[in-house]
PDB file of N, CA and C in Angstrom:
ATOM      1  N   MET A   1      84.272 -49.340  32.941  1.00  0.00           N
ATOM      2  CA  MET A   1      83.237 -49.643  33.795  1.00  0.00           C
ATOM      3  C   MET A   1      82.438 -48.417  34.549  1.00  0.00           C
ATOM      4  N   ILE A   2      82.331 -47.586  33.602  1.00  0.00           N
ATOM      5  CA  ILE A   2      81.495 -46.333  33.994  1.00  0.00           C
ATOM      6  C   ILE A   2      80.312 -46.770  32.631  1.00  0.00           C
ATOM      7  N   ILE A   3      80.879 -47.786  32.086  1.00  0.00           N
ATOM      8  CA  ILE A   3      79.519 -47.891  30.751  1.00  0.00           C
ATOM      9  C   ILE A   3      78.565 -48.974  31.550  1.00  0.00           C
ATOM     10  N   SER A   4      79.236 -49.900  32.270  1.00  0.00           N
ATOM     11  CA  SER A   4      78.287 -50.747  33.152  1.00  0.00           C
ATOM     12  C   SER A   4      77.674 -50.178  34.126  1.00  0.00           C
ATOM     13  N   LEU A   5      78.095 -49.092  34.740  1.00  0.00           N
ATOM     14  CA  LEU A   5      77.717 -48.270  35.946  1.00  0.00           C
ATOM     15  C   LEU A   5      76.490 -47.824  34.850  1.00  0.00           C
ATOM     16  N   PHE A   6      76.499 -47.085  34.053  1.00  0.00           N
ATOM     17  CA  PHE A   6      75.189 -46.450  33.293  1.00  0.00           C
ATOM     18  C   PHE A   6      74.352 -47.354  33.118  1.00  0.00           C
ATOM     19  N   GLY A   7      74.860 -48.674  32.506  1.00  0.00           N
ATOM     20  CA  GLY A   7      73.810 -49.644  31.811  1.00  0.00           C
ATOM     21  C   GLY A   7      73.122 -50.286  33.031  1.00  0.00           C
ATOM     22  N   VAL A   8      73.689 -50.199  34.469  1.00  0.00           N
ATOM     23  CA  VAL A   8      72.708 -50.850  35.195  1.00  0.00           C
ATOM     24  C   VAL A   8      72.127 -49.844  35.874  1.00  0.00           C
ATOM     25  N   LEU A   9      72.053 -48.691  35.955  1.00  0.00           N
ATOM     26  CA  LEU A   9      71.401 -47.771  36.114  1.00  0.00           C
ATOM     27  C   LEU A   9      70.067 -47.274  35.397  1.00  0.00           C
ATOM     28  N   PHE A  10      70.297 -47.631  33.560  1.00  0.00           N
ATOM     29  CA  PHE A  10      69.589 -47.437  33.092  1.00  0.00           C
ATOM     30  C   PHE A  10      68.417 -48.715  33.008  1.00  0.00           C
ATOM     31  N   PHE A  11      68.953 -49.773  33.426  1.00  0.00           N
ATOM     32  CA  PHE A  11      67.903 -50.991  33.569  1.00  0.00           C
ATOM     33  C   PHE A  11      67.208 -50.851  34.525  1.00  0.00           C
ATOM     34  N   LEU A  12      67.706 -50.457  36.084  1.00  0.00           N
ATOM     35  CA  LEU A  12      67.205 -50.008  36.907  1.00  0.00           C
ATOM     36  C   LEU A  12      65.784 -49.132  37.054  1.00  0.00           C
ATOM     37  N   LEU A  13      66.104 -48.080  36.169  1.00  0.00           N
ATOM     38  CA  LEU A  13      64.790 -46.683  35.840  1.00  0.00           C
ATOM     39  C   LEU A  13      64.045 -47.670  34.676  1.00  0.00           C
ATOM     40  N   PHE A  14      64.711 -48.361  34.001  1.00  0.00           N
ATOM     41  CA  PHE A  14      63.500 -48.598  32.930  1.00  0.00           C
ATOM     42  C   PHE A  14      62.409 -49.954  33.537  1.00  0.00           C
ATOM     43  N   PHE A  15      63.026 -50.949  34.725  1.00  0.00           N
ATOM     44  CA  PHE A  15      62.146 -51.414  35.282  1.00  0.00           C
ATOM     45  C   PHE A  15      61.135 -50.763  36.487  1.00  0.00           C
ATOM     46  N   PHE A  16      61.764 -49.608  37.054  1.00  0.00           N
ATOM     47  CA  PHE A  16      61.172 -48.849  37.928  1.00  0.00           C
ATOM     48  C   PHE A  16      59.882 -48.230  37.270  1.00  0.00           C
ATOM     49  N   VAL A  17      60.076 -47.552  36.010  1.00  0.00           N
ATOM     50  CA  VAL A  17      59.029 -46.963  35.352  1.00  0.00           C
ATOM     51  C   VAL A  17      58.121 -47.759  34.587  1.00  0.00           C
ATOM     52  N   LEU A  18      58.153 -48.715  34.418  1.00  0.00           N
ATOM     53  CA  LEU A  18      57.490 -50.290  33.830  1.00  0.00           C
ATOM     54  C   LEU A  18      56.229 -50.640  35.446  1.00  0.00           C
ATOM     55  N   HIS A  19      56.944 -50.877  36.334  1.00  0.00           N
ATOM     56  CA  HIS A  19      56.810 -51.024  37.756  1.00  0.00           C
ATOM     57  C   HIS A  19      55.424 -50.027  38.079  1.00  0.00           C
ATOM     58  N   ILE A  20      56.010 -48.769  37.829  1.00  0.00           N
ATOM     59  CA  ILE A  20      54.758 -47.633  38.193  1.00  0.00           C
ATOM     60  C   ILE A  20      53.965 -47.624  37.051  1.00  0.00           C
ATOM     61  N   ALA A  21      54.123 -47.632  35.910  1.00  0.00           N
ATOM     62  CA  ALA A  21      53.125 -47.681  34.998  1.00  0.00           C
ATOM     63  C   ALA A  21      52.357 -49.241  34.944  1.00  0.00           C
ATOM     64  N   LEU A  22      52.826 -50.482  35.567  1.00  0.00           N
ATOM     65  CA  LEU A  22      52.007 -51.232  36.000  1.00  0.00           C
ATOM     66  C   LEU A  22      50.947 -51.128  36.884  1.00  0.00           C
ATOM     67  N   CYS A  23      51.157 -50.319  37.668  1.00  0.00           N
ATOM     68  CA  CYS A  23      50.041 -49.994  39.217  1.00  0.00           C
ATOM     69  C   CYS A  23      49.266 -48.818  38.799  1.00  0.00           C
ATOM     70  N   VAL A  24      49.607 -48.322  37.705  1.00  0.00           N
ATOM     71  CA  VAL A  24      49.028 -47.298  37.317  1.00  0.00           C
ATOM     72  C   VAL A  24      47.726 -47.933  36.444  1.00  0.00           C
ATOM     73  N   TRP A  25      48.060 -48.708  35.739  1.00  0.00           N
ATOM     74  CA  TRP A  25      47.284 -49.334  34.972  1.00  0.00           C
ATOM     75  C   TRP A  25      46.183 -50.598  35.345  1.00  0.00           C
ATOM     76  N   GLY A  26      46.828 -50.736  36.505  1.00  0.00           N
ATOM     77  CA  GLY A  26      45.589 -52.136  37.348  1.00  0.00           C
ATOM     78  C   GLY A  26      44.768 -50.922  37.838  1.00  0.00           C
ATOM     79  N   TYR A  27      44.841 -49.784  38.339  1.00  0.00           N
ATOM     80  CA  TYR A  27      44.413 -49.069  38.846  1.00  0.00           C
ATOM     81  C   TYR A  27      43.062 -48.282  37.816  1.00  0.00           C
ATOM     82  N   ARG A  28      43.436 -47.996  36.744  1.00  0.00           N
ATOM     83  CA  ARG A  28      42.551 -47.454  36.057  1.00  0.00           C
ATOM     84  C   ARG A  28      41.779 -48.775  35.550  1.00  0.00           C
ATOM     85  N   ASP A  29      42.266 -49.696  35.220  1.00  0.00           N
ATOM     86  CA  ASP A  29      41.765 -50.773  34.613  1.00  0.00           C
ATOM     87  C   ASP A  29      40.938 -51.316  35.341  1.00  0.00           C
ATOM     88  N   SER A  30      40.959 -51.589  36.858  1.00  0.00           N
ATOM     89  CA  SER A  30      40.210 -51.920  37.487  1.00  0.00           C
ATOM     90  C   SER A  30      38.538 -51.106  37.728  1.00  0.00           C
ATOM     91  N   ILE A  31      39.056 -49.328  37.858  1.00  0.00           N
ATOM     92  CA  ILE A  31      37.719 -48.306  37.811  1.00  0.00           C
ATOM     93  C   ILE A  31      37.150 -48.722  36.474  1.00  0.00           C
ATOM     94  N   ARG A  32      37.929 -48.966  35.654  1.00  0.00           N
ATOM     95  CA  ARG A  32      37.053 -48.831  34.205  1.00  0.00           C
ATOM     96  C   ARG A  32      36.035 -50.091  34.227  1.00  0.00           C
ATOM     97  N   ARG A  33      36.419 -50.967  34.596  1.00  0.00           N
ATOM     98  CA  ARG A  33      35.434 -52.188  34.752  1.00  0.00           C
ATOM     99  C   ARG A  33      34.440 -52.023  35.869  1.00  0.00           C
ATOM    100  N   GLY A  34      34.148 -51.090  36.383  1.00  0.00           N
ATOM    101  CA  GLY A  34      33.339 -50.724  37.672  1.00  0.00           C
ATOM    102  C   GLY A  34      33.411 -51.210  38.801  1.00  0.00           C
ATOM    103  N   LYS A  35      34.740 -51.490  38.612  1.00  0.00           N
ATOM    104  CA  LYS A  35      34.929 -51.784  40.203  1.00  0.00           C
ATOM    105  C   LYS A  35      34.999 -50.880  41.279  1.00  0.00           C
ATOM    106  N   SER A  36      34.835 -51.051  43.090  1.00  0.00           N
ATOM    107  CA  SER A  36      34.252 -49.972  43.645  1.00  0.00           C
ATOM    108  C   SER A  36      36.078 -49.157  43.607  1.00  0.00           C
ATOM    109  N   SER A  37      36.062 -47.852  44.198  1.00  0.00           N
ATOM    110  CA  SER A  37      37.696 -47.284  44.420  1.00  0.00           C
ATOM    111  C   SER A  37      38.056 -47.903  45.320  1.00  0.00           C
ATOM    112  N   GLU A  38      37.574 -48.964  46.716  1.00  0.00           N
ATOM    113  CA  GLU A  38      37.615 -49.504  47.395  1.00  0.00           C
ATOM    114  C   GLU A  38      38.993 -50.703  46.765  1.00  0.00           C
ATOM    115  N   PHE A  39      38.022 -51.392  45.773  1.00  0.00           N
ATOM    116  CA  PHE A  39      39.361 -52.570  45.482  1.00  0.00           C
ATOM    117  C   PHE A  39      40.207 -51.498  44.632  1.00  0.00           C
ATOM    118  N   ALA A  40      40.333 -50.910  43.738  1.00  0.00           N
ATOM    119  CA  ALA A  40      41.324 -50.391  42.727  1.00  0.00           C
ATOM    120  C   ALA A  40      42.087 -49.778  43.755  1.00  0.00           C
ATOM    121  N   ILE A  41      42.128 -49.586  44.815  1.00  0.00           N
ATOM    122  CA  ILE A  41      43.209 -49.426  45.917  1.00  0.00           C
ATOM    123  C   ILE A  41      43.856 -50.649  46.270  1.00  0.00           C
ATOM    124  N   ILE A  42      43.043 -51.638  46.366  1.00  0.00           N
ATOM    125  CA  ILE A  42      43.880 -52.679  46.666  1.00  0.00           C
ATOM    126  C   ILE A  42      44.536 -53.446  45.961  1.00  0.00           C
ATOM    127  N   VAL A  43      43.762 -53.483  44.447  1.00  0.00           N
ATOM    128  CA  VAL A  43      44.466 -53.836  43.565  1.00  0.00           C
ATOM    129  C   VAL A  43      46.032 -52.712  43.404  1.00  0.00           C
ATOM    130  N   LEU A  44      46.248 -51.913  43.470  1.00  0.00           N
ATOM    131  CA  LEU A  44      47.372 -50.553  43.147  1.00  0.00           C
ATOM    132  C   LEU A  44      48.188 -51.245  44.306  1.00  0.00           C
ATOM    133  N   VAL A  45      47.796 -51.205  45.703  1.00  0.00           N
ATOM    134  CA  VAL A  45      48.627 -51.616  46.975  1.00  0.00           C
ATOM    135  C   VAL A  45      49.350 -53.112  46.358  1.00  0.00           C
ATOM    136  N   GLY A  46      48.597 -53.653  45.760  1.00  0.00           N
ATOM    137  CA  GLY A  46      49.015 -55.228  45.560  1.00  0.00           C
ATOM    138  C   GLY A  46      49.927 -55.228  44.243  1.00  0.00           C
ATOM    139  N   LEU A  47      49.676 -54.986  43.278  1.00  0.00           N
ATOM    140  CA  LEU A  47      50.923 -54.579  42.584  1.00  0.00           C
ATOM    141  C   LEU A  47      52.286 -53.647  42.890  1.00  0.00           C
ATOM    142  N   LEU A  48      51.928 -52.737  43.599  1.00  0.00           N
ATOM    143  CA  LEU A  48      53.180 -52.244  43.992  1.00  0.00           C
ATOM    144  C   LEU A  48      54.014 -52.741  44.990  1.00  0.00           C
ATOM    145  N   PHE A  49      53.681 -53.739  45.853  1.00  0.00           N
ATOM    146  CA  PHE A  49      54.198 -54.488  46.712  1.00  0.00           C
ATOM    147  C   PHE A  49      54.346 -55.713  46.097  1.00  0.00           C
ATOM    148  N   PHE A  50      53.643 -56.291  45.474  1.00  0.00           N
ATOM    149  CA  PHE A  50      53.692 -57.578  45.106  1.00  0.00           C
ATOM    150  C   PHE A  50      53.845 -57.678  43.681  1.00  0.00           C
ATOM    151  N   PRO A  51      54.947 -56.919  42.409  1.00  0.00           N
ATOM    152  CA  PRO A  51      54.255 -57.239  41.117  1.00  0.00           C
ATOM    153  C   PRO A  51      54.025 -57.936  40.479  1.00  0.00           C
ATOM    154  N   ILE A  52      54.811 -59.402  40.445  1.00  0.00           N
ATOM    155  CA  ILE A  52      54.660 -60.366  39.559  1.00  0.00           C
ATOM    156  C   ILE A  52      53.404 -61.097  39.933  1.00  0.00           C
ATOM    157  N   VAL A  53      53.498 -61.600  41.115  1.00  0.00           N
ATOM    158  CA  VAL A  53      52.100 -62.244  41.545  1.00  0.00           C
ATOM    159  C   VAL A  53      51.222 -61.265  41.733  1.00  0.00           C
ATOM    160  N   GLY A  54      50.884 -59.872  42.213  1.00  0.00           N
ATOM    161  CA  GLY A  54      49.979 -59.228  42.169  1.00  0.00           C
ATOM    162  C   GLY A  54      49.081 -59.153  40.672  1.00  0.00           C
ATOM    163  N   LEU A  55      50.259 -58.767  39.457  1.00  0.00           N
ATOM    164  CA  LEU A  55      49.811 -58.964  38.398  1.00  0.00           C
ATOM    165  C   LEU A  55      49.036 -60.012  38.072  1.00  0.00           C
ATOM    166  N   ILE A  56      49.593 -61.200  38.458  1.00  0.00           N
ATOM    167  CA  ILE A  56      49.143 -62.522  37.690  1.00  0.00           C
ATOM    168  C   ILE A  56      47.167 -62.778  38.493  1.00  0.00           C
ATOM    169  N   VAL A  57      47.519 -62.635  39.994  1.00  0.00           N
ATOM    170  CA  VAL A  57      46.312 -62.537  40.785  1.00  0.00           C
ATOM    171  C   VAL A  57      45.465 -61.797  39.880  1.00  0.00           C
ATOM    172  N   TYR A  58      45.798 -60.692  39.669  1.00  0.00           N
ATOM    173  CA  TYR A  58      44.669 -59.363  39.475  1.00  0.00           C
ATOM    174  C   TYR A  58      44.090 -60.042  37.996  1.00  0.00           C
ATOM    175  N   LEU A  59      44.901 -60.383  37.138  1.00  0.00           N
ATOM    176  CA  LEU A  59      44.895 -61.012  35.636  1.00  0.00           C
ATOM    177  C   LEU A  59      43.664 -62.121  36.021  1.00  0.00           C
ATOM    178  N   ILE A  60      43.777 -62.656  36.905  1.00  0.00           N
ATOM    179  CA  ILE A  60      42.906 -63.888  37.193  1.00  0.00           C
ATOM    180  C   ILE A  60      41.501 -63.825  37.518  1.00  0.00           C
ATOM    181  N   ILE A  61      41.516 -62.208  38.719  1.00  0.00           N
ATOM    182  CA  ILE A  61      40.160 -61.911  39.409  1.00  0.00           C
ATOM    183  C   ILE A  61      39.400 -61.552  38.634  1.00  0.00           C
ATOM    184  N   ARG A  62      39.960 -60.567  37.554  1.00  0.00           N
ATOM    185  CA  ARG A  62      39.191 -59.194  36.584  1.00  0.00           C
ATOM    186  C   ARG A  62      38.404 -59.849  36.017  1.00  0.00           C
ATOM    187  N   ASN A  63      38.467 -60.896  35.451  1.00  0.00           N
ATOM    188  CA  ASN A  63      37.512 -61.704  34.430  1.00  0.00           C
ATOM    189  C   ASN A  63      36.524 -62.334  35.046  1.00  0.00           C
ATOM    190  N   ASP A  64      35.430 -61.523  35.725  1.00  0.00           N
ATOM    191  CA  ASP A  64      34.375 -62.119  36.499  1.00  0.00           C
ATOM    192  C   ASP A  64      33.032 -62.048  35.523  1.00  0.00           C
TER     193      ASP A  64
END
């Protein structure tokens, strides 16, 4: 029982760190591509609140 609790906590921590890394990557990538800082913040907020859908939308619109 304790092993499964640690497994669940590790799983949640892993995906939390992955989510934060995805948000940072999206922000830095939009800045690196020469977008405005307002656009980069919108990307950051979109990825923060809608991780999967936000990533798909950002990957589609980033190739201008």
